[in-house]
C-alpha atoms as a PDB file:
ATOM      1  CA  MET A   1     117.382  60.462 136.079  1.00  0.00           C
ATOM      2  CA  ARG A   2     114.964  60.074 133.297  1.00  0.00           C
ATOM      3  CA  PHE A   3     114.340  62.681 130.623  1.00  0.00           C
ATOM      4  CA  ASP A   4     110.894  63.833 129.966  1.00  0.00           C
ATOM      5  CA  PRO A   5     110.336  64.220 126.135  1.00  0.00           C
ATOM      6  CA  SER A   6     108.242  67.321 126.634  1.00  0.00           C
ATOM      7  CA  THR A   7     111.208  68.994 128.286  1.00  0.00           C
ATOM      8  CA  ARG A   8     113.630  68.117 125.511  1.00  0.00           C
ATOM      9  CA  ARG A   9     111.351  69.439 122.561  1.00  0.00           C
ATOM     10  CA  GLY A  10     109.065  72.341 122.417  1.00  0.00           C
ATOM     11  CA  ASP A  11     105.330  71.834 122.736  1.00  0.00           C
ATOM     12  CA  GLY A  12     103.651  71.831 119.326  1.00  0.00           C
ATOM     13  CA  ILE A  13     100.813  74.158 120.439  1.00  0.00           C
ATOM     14  CA  ALA A  14     103.411  76.701 121.923  1.00  0.00           C
ATOM     15  CA  GLY A  15     105.418  76.677 118.922  1.00  0.00           C
ATOM     16  CA  GLY A  16     102.277  77.209 116.785  1.00  0.00           C
ATOM     17  CA  CYS A  17     101.231  80.166 118.952  1.00  0.00           C
ATOM     18  CA  ILE A  18     104.684  81.582 119.083  1.00  0.00           C
ATOM     19  CA  SER A  19     104.907  81.395 115.337  1.00  0.00           C
ATOM     20  CA  LEU A  20     101.599  82.831 114.708  1.00  0.00           C
ATOM     21  CA  ILE A  21     102.415  85.908 117.050  1.00  0.00           C
ATOM     22  CA  VAL A  22     105.787  86.298 115.189  1.00  0.00           C
ATOM     23  CA  LEU A  23     104.040  86.190 111.865  1.00  0.00           C
ATOM     24  CA  LEU A  24     101.466  88.791 112.913  1.00  0.00           C
ATOM     25  CA  VAL A  25     104.436  91.141 113.840  1.00  0.00           C
ATOM     26  CA  GLU A  26     106.307  90.263 110.713  1.00  0.00           C
ATOM     27  CA  ILE A  27     103.410  91.002 108.360  1.00  0.00           C
ATOM     28  CA  PRO A  28     102.956  94.652 109.072  1.00  0.00           C
ATOM     29  CA  VAL A  29     106.810  95.183 108.925  1.00  0.00           C
ATOM     30  CA  ALA A  30     106.982  93.568 105.535  1.00  0.00           C
ATOM     31  CA  LEU A  31     103.930  95.698 104.265  1.00  0.00           C
ATOM     32  CA  LEU A  32     105.857  98.840 105.620  1.00  0.00           C
ATOM     33  CA  LEU A  33     108.986  97.742 103.712  1.00  0.00           C
ATOM     34  CA  VAL A  34     107.012  97.124 100.533  1.00  0.00           C
ATOM     35  CA  LEU A  35     105.100 100.396 100.831  1.00  0.00           C
ATOM     36  CA  SER A  36     108.218 102.355 101.577  1.00  0.00           C
ATOM     37  CA  SER A  37     110.006 100.892  98.574  1.00  0.00           C
ATOM     38  CA  VAL A  38     107.225 101.583  96.239  1.00  0.00           C
ATOM     39  CA  LEU A  39     106.955 105.281  97.377  1.00  0.00           C
ATOM     40  CA  ARG A  40     110.577 105.717  97.282  1.00  0.00           C
ATOM     41  CA  GLY A  41     110.747 104.606  93.534  1.00  0.00           C
ATOM     42  CA  TRP A  42     107.574 106.294  92.662  1.00  0.00           C
ATOM     43  CA  VAL A  43     108.917 109.862  93.994  1.00  0.00           C
ATOM     44  CA  ARG A  44     112.372 109.492  92.592  1.00  0.00           C
ATOM     45  CA  ARG A  45     111.326 108.434  89.095  1.00  0.00           C
ATOM     46  CA  ASP A  46     111.454 111.583  87.339  1.00  0.00           C
ATOM     47  CA  GLN A  47     114.835 112.718  88.895  1.00  0.00           C
ATOM     48  CA  TYR A  48     117.293 110.880  86.669  1.00  0.00           C
ATOM     49  CA  VAL A  49     119.050 112.694  83.797  1.00  0.00           C
ATOM     50  CA  ALA A  50     121.663 110.172  83.019  1.00  0.00           C
ATOM     51  CA  ALA A  51     121.756 106.521  83.462  1.00  0.00           C
ATOM     52  CA  PRO A  52     120.885 105.938  87.335  1.00  0.00           C
ATOM     53  CA  THR A  53     123.036 104.020  89.735  1.00  0.00           C
ATOM     54  CA  VAL A  54     121.986 101.001  91.622  1.00  0.00           C
ATOM     55  CA  ASP A  55     119.888 102.114  94.449  1.00  0.00           C
ATOM     56  CA  TRP A  56     121.067  99.916  97.528  1.00  0.00           C
ATOM     57  CA  VAL A  57     118.545 101.130 100.140  1.00  0.00           C
ATOM     58  CA  PRO A  58     115.783  98.851  98.966  1.00  0.00           C
ATOM     59  CA  ILE A  59     118.143  96.014  98.604  1.00  0.00           C
ATOM     60  CA  LEU A  60     119.386  96.420 102.219  1.00  0.00           C
ATOM     61  CA  TRP A  61     116.045  96.849 103.722  1.00  0.00           C
ATOM     62  CA  CYS A  62     114.880  93.566 102.245  1.00  0.00           C
ATOM     63  CA  GLY A  63     118.218  91.929 103.189  1.00  0.00           C
ATOM     64  CA  GLY A  64     117.958  93.169 106.888  1.00  0.00           C
ATOM     65  CA  PHE A  65     114.209  91.791 106.792  1.00  0.00           C
ATOM     66  CA  THR A  66     115.677  88.448 105.579  1.00  0.00           C
ATOM     67  CA  LEU A  67     118.472  88.482 108.250  1.00  0.00           C
ATOM     68  CA  GLY A  68     116.003  89.328 111.009  1.00  0.00           C
ATOM     69  CA  VAL A  69     113.682  86.523 110.022  1.00  0.00           C
ATOM     70  CA  LEU A  70     116.727  83.913 110.082  1.00  0.00           C
ATOM     71  CA  VAL A  71     117.829  85.216 113.341  1.00  0.00           C
ATOM     72  CA  ILE A  72     114.220  84.626 114.667  1.00  0.00           C
ATOM     73  CA  ALA A  73     114.373  80.996 113.116  1.00  0.00           C
ATOM     74  CA  VAL A  74     117.615  80.442 115.069  1.00  0.00           C
ATOM     75  CA  ILE A  75     116.278  81.550 118.167  1.00  0.00           C
ATOM     76  CA  PHE A  76     113.204  79.353 117.816  1.00  0.00           C
ATOM     77  CA  LEU A  77     115.569  76.415 117.317  1.00  0.00           C
ATOM     78  CA  CYS A  78     117.559  76.923 120.275  1.00  0.00           C
ATOM     79  CA  PRO A  79     114.661  76.302 122.654  1.00  0.00           C
ATOM     80  CA  ALA A  80     113.249  73.398 120.433  1.00  0.00           C
ATOM     81  CA  HIS A  81     110.416  74.979 118.600  1.00  0.00           C
ATOM     82  CA  PRO A  82     110.885  73.092 115.189  1.00  0.00           C
ATOM     83  CA  PHE A  83     107.522  74.146 113.785  1.00  0.00           C
ATOM     84  CA  ALA A  84     108.001  77.810 114.524  1.00  0.00           C
ATOM     85  CA  ALA A  85     111.562  77.595 113.322  1.00  0.00           C
ATOM     86  CA  ALA A  86     110.330  75.809 110.261  1.00  0.00           C
ATOM     87  CA  VAL A  87     107.603  78.640 109.496  1.00  0.00           C
ATOM     88  CA  GLN A  88     110.418  81.186 109.964  1.00  0.00           C
ATOM     89  CA  LEU A  89     112.912  79.336 107.591  1.00  0.00           C
ATOM     90  CA  VAL A  90     110.096  79.326 105.021  1.00  0.00           C
ATOM     91  CA  LEU A  91     109.491  82.938 105.317  1.00  0.00           C
ATOM     92  CA  ALA A  92     113.215  83.644 105.185  1.00  0.00           C
ATOM     93  CA  VAL A  93     113.439  81.756 101.723  1.00  0.00           C
ATOM     94  CA  VAL A  94     110.449  83.941 100.439  1.00  0.00           C
ATOM     95  CA  ALA A  95     112.230  87.087 101.750  1.00  0.00           C
ATOM     96  CA  LEU A  96     115.425  86.159 100.278  1.00  0.00           C
ATOM     97  CA  LEU A  97     113.869  85.586  96.850  1.00  0.00           C
ATOM     98  CA  PHE A  98     112.168  89.051  97.133  1.00  0.00           C
ATOM     99  CA  THR A  99     115.644  90.307  97.995  1.00  0.00           C
ATOM    100  CA  ILE A 100     117.041  88.853  94.864  1.00  0.00           C
ATOM    101  CA  MET A 101     114.210  90.224  92.905  1.00  0.00           C
ATOM    102  CA  VAL A 102     114.792  93.777  94.202  1.00  0.00           C
ATOM    103  CA  TRP A 103     118.554  93.516  93.543  1.00  0.00           C
ATOM    104  CA  HIS A 104     117.871  92.254  90.001  1.00  0.00           C
ATOM    105  CA  ASP A 105     115.369  95.117  89.358  1.00  0.00           C
ATOM    106  CA  GLN A 106     117.734  97.688  90.564  1.00  0.00           C
ATOM    107  CA  HIS A 107     120.618  96.262  88.415  1.00  0.00           C
ATOM    108  CA  GLU A 108     118.487  96.161  85.464  1.00  0.00           C
ATOM    109  CA  ARG A 109     117.488  99.812  86.091  1.00  0.00           C
ATOM    110  CA  ALA A 110     120.978 100.903  86.293  1.00  0.00           C
ATOM    111  CA  HIS A 111     122.351  98.933  83.500  1.00  0.00           C
ATOM    112  CA  PRO A 112     119.759  99.008  80.655  1.00  0.00           C
ATOM    113  CA  GLY A 113     120.526  96.843  77.603  1.00  0.00           C
ATOM    114  CA  PRO A 114     120.377  98.099  74.344  1.00  0.00           C
ATOM    115  CA  THR A 115     116.909  98.092  72.585  1.00  0.00           C
ATOM    116  CA  THR A 116     116.339  96.335  69.253  1.00  0.00           C
ATOM    117  CA  GLY A 117     116.036  99.611  67.423  1.00  0.00           C
ATOM    118  CA  ASP A 118     119.340 100.771  68.861  1.00  0.00           C
ATOM    119  CA  VAL A 119     121.136  97.526  67.867  1.00  0.00           C
ATOM    120  CA  SER A 120     119.801  97.525  64.239  1.00  0.00           C
ATOM    121  CA  ALA A 121     120.646 101.512  63.837  1.00  0.00           C
ATOM    122  CA  ASP A 122     124.263 100.586  65.128  1.00  0.00           C
ATOM    123  CA  LEU A 123     124.429  97.666  62.725  1.00  0.00           C
ATOM    124  CA  VAL A 124     123.229  99.774  59.735  1.00  0.00           C
ATOM    125  CA  ARG A 125     125.935 102.311  60.646  1.00  0.00           C
ATOM    126  CA  ARG A 126     128.706  99.657  60.838  1.00  0.00           C
ATOM    127  CA  VAL A 127     127.633  98.209  57.490  1.00  0.00           C
ATOM    128  CA  VAL A 128     127.678 101.631  55.886  1.00  0.00           C
ATOM    129  CA  ALA A 129     130.901 102.517  57.306  1.00  0.00           C
ATOM    130  CA  VAL A 130     132.580  99.414  55.890  1.00  0.00           C
ATOM    131  CA  ARG A 131     131.056  99.665  52.423  1.00  0.00           C
ATOM    132  CA  HIS A 132     130.927 103.517  52.031  1.00  0.00           C
ATOM    133  CA  PRO A 133     133.630 105.156  54.281  1.00  0.00           C
ATOM    134  CA  ASN A 134     132.841 108.707  53.073  1.00  0.00           C
ATOM    135  CA  ALA A 135     128.979 108.421  53.754  1.00  0.00           C
ATOM    136  CA  VAL A 136     129.436 108.188  57.456  1.00  0.00           C
ATOM    137  CA  SER A 137     132.112 110.858  57.689  1.00  0.00           C
ATOM    138  CA  ALA A 138     129.581 113.468  56.479  1.00  0.00           C
ATOM    139  CA  PRO A 139     126.297 112.995  58.296  1.00  0.00           C
ATOM    140  CA  SER A 140     124.585 115.991  56.481  1.00  0.00           C
ATOM    141  CA  GLN A 141     124.984 114.153  53.148  1.00  0.00           C
ATOM    142  CA  GLY A 142     122.926 111.204  54.045  1.00  0.00           C
ATOM    143  CA  LEU A 143     123.616 107.553  53.141  1.00  0.00           C
ATOM    144  CA  GLY A 144     123.639 108.500  49.365  1.00  0.00           C
ATOM    145  CA  GLY A 145     127.037 110.553  49.655  1.00  0.00           C
ATOM    146  CA  ALA A 146     127.743 113.380  47.186  1.00  0.00           C
END
């Protein structure tokens, strides 16, 4: 019994068409994901009084999209459509990079670093406290003391 090569590997045209159809479905889903994340951040921007916590919803949405693209890539690898699977894997890498960027943005928003002005003011207070211990204990007197 002889194996026909076309039965062992997917047809290139079929893989390209399947990849194009799936991309046409994934593009609106990705745009909806971006739009909802932007609107979610825009509406909630003025609600924070204290330091905000990490908002996990955009991270989970992007991670779920990435996982969905990976599942589609594995499904394409099973019936031997390597071109369609390769396109999906490239898209999964891009989606993973966006997921990491969203996580980093949320992490930076929740844990802001000190600004340069805060660091220099804190340094001045520490130096004054070491050199003039009474000057820091009475803030109404200023740096000169009494």
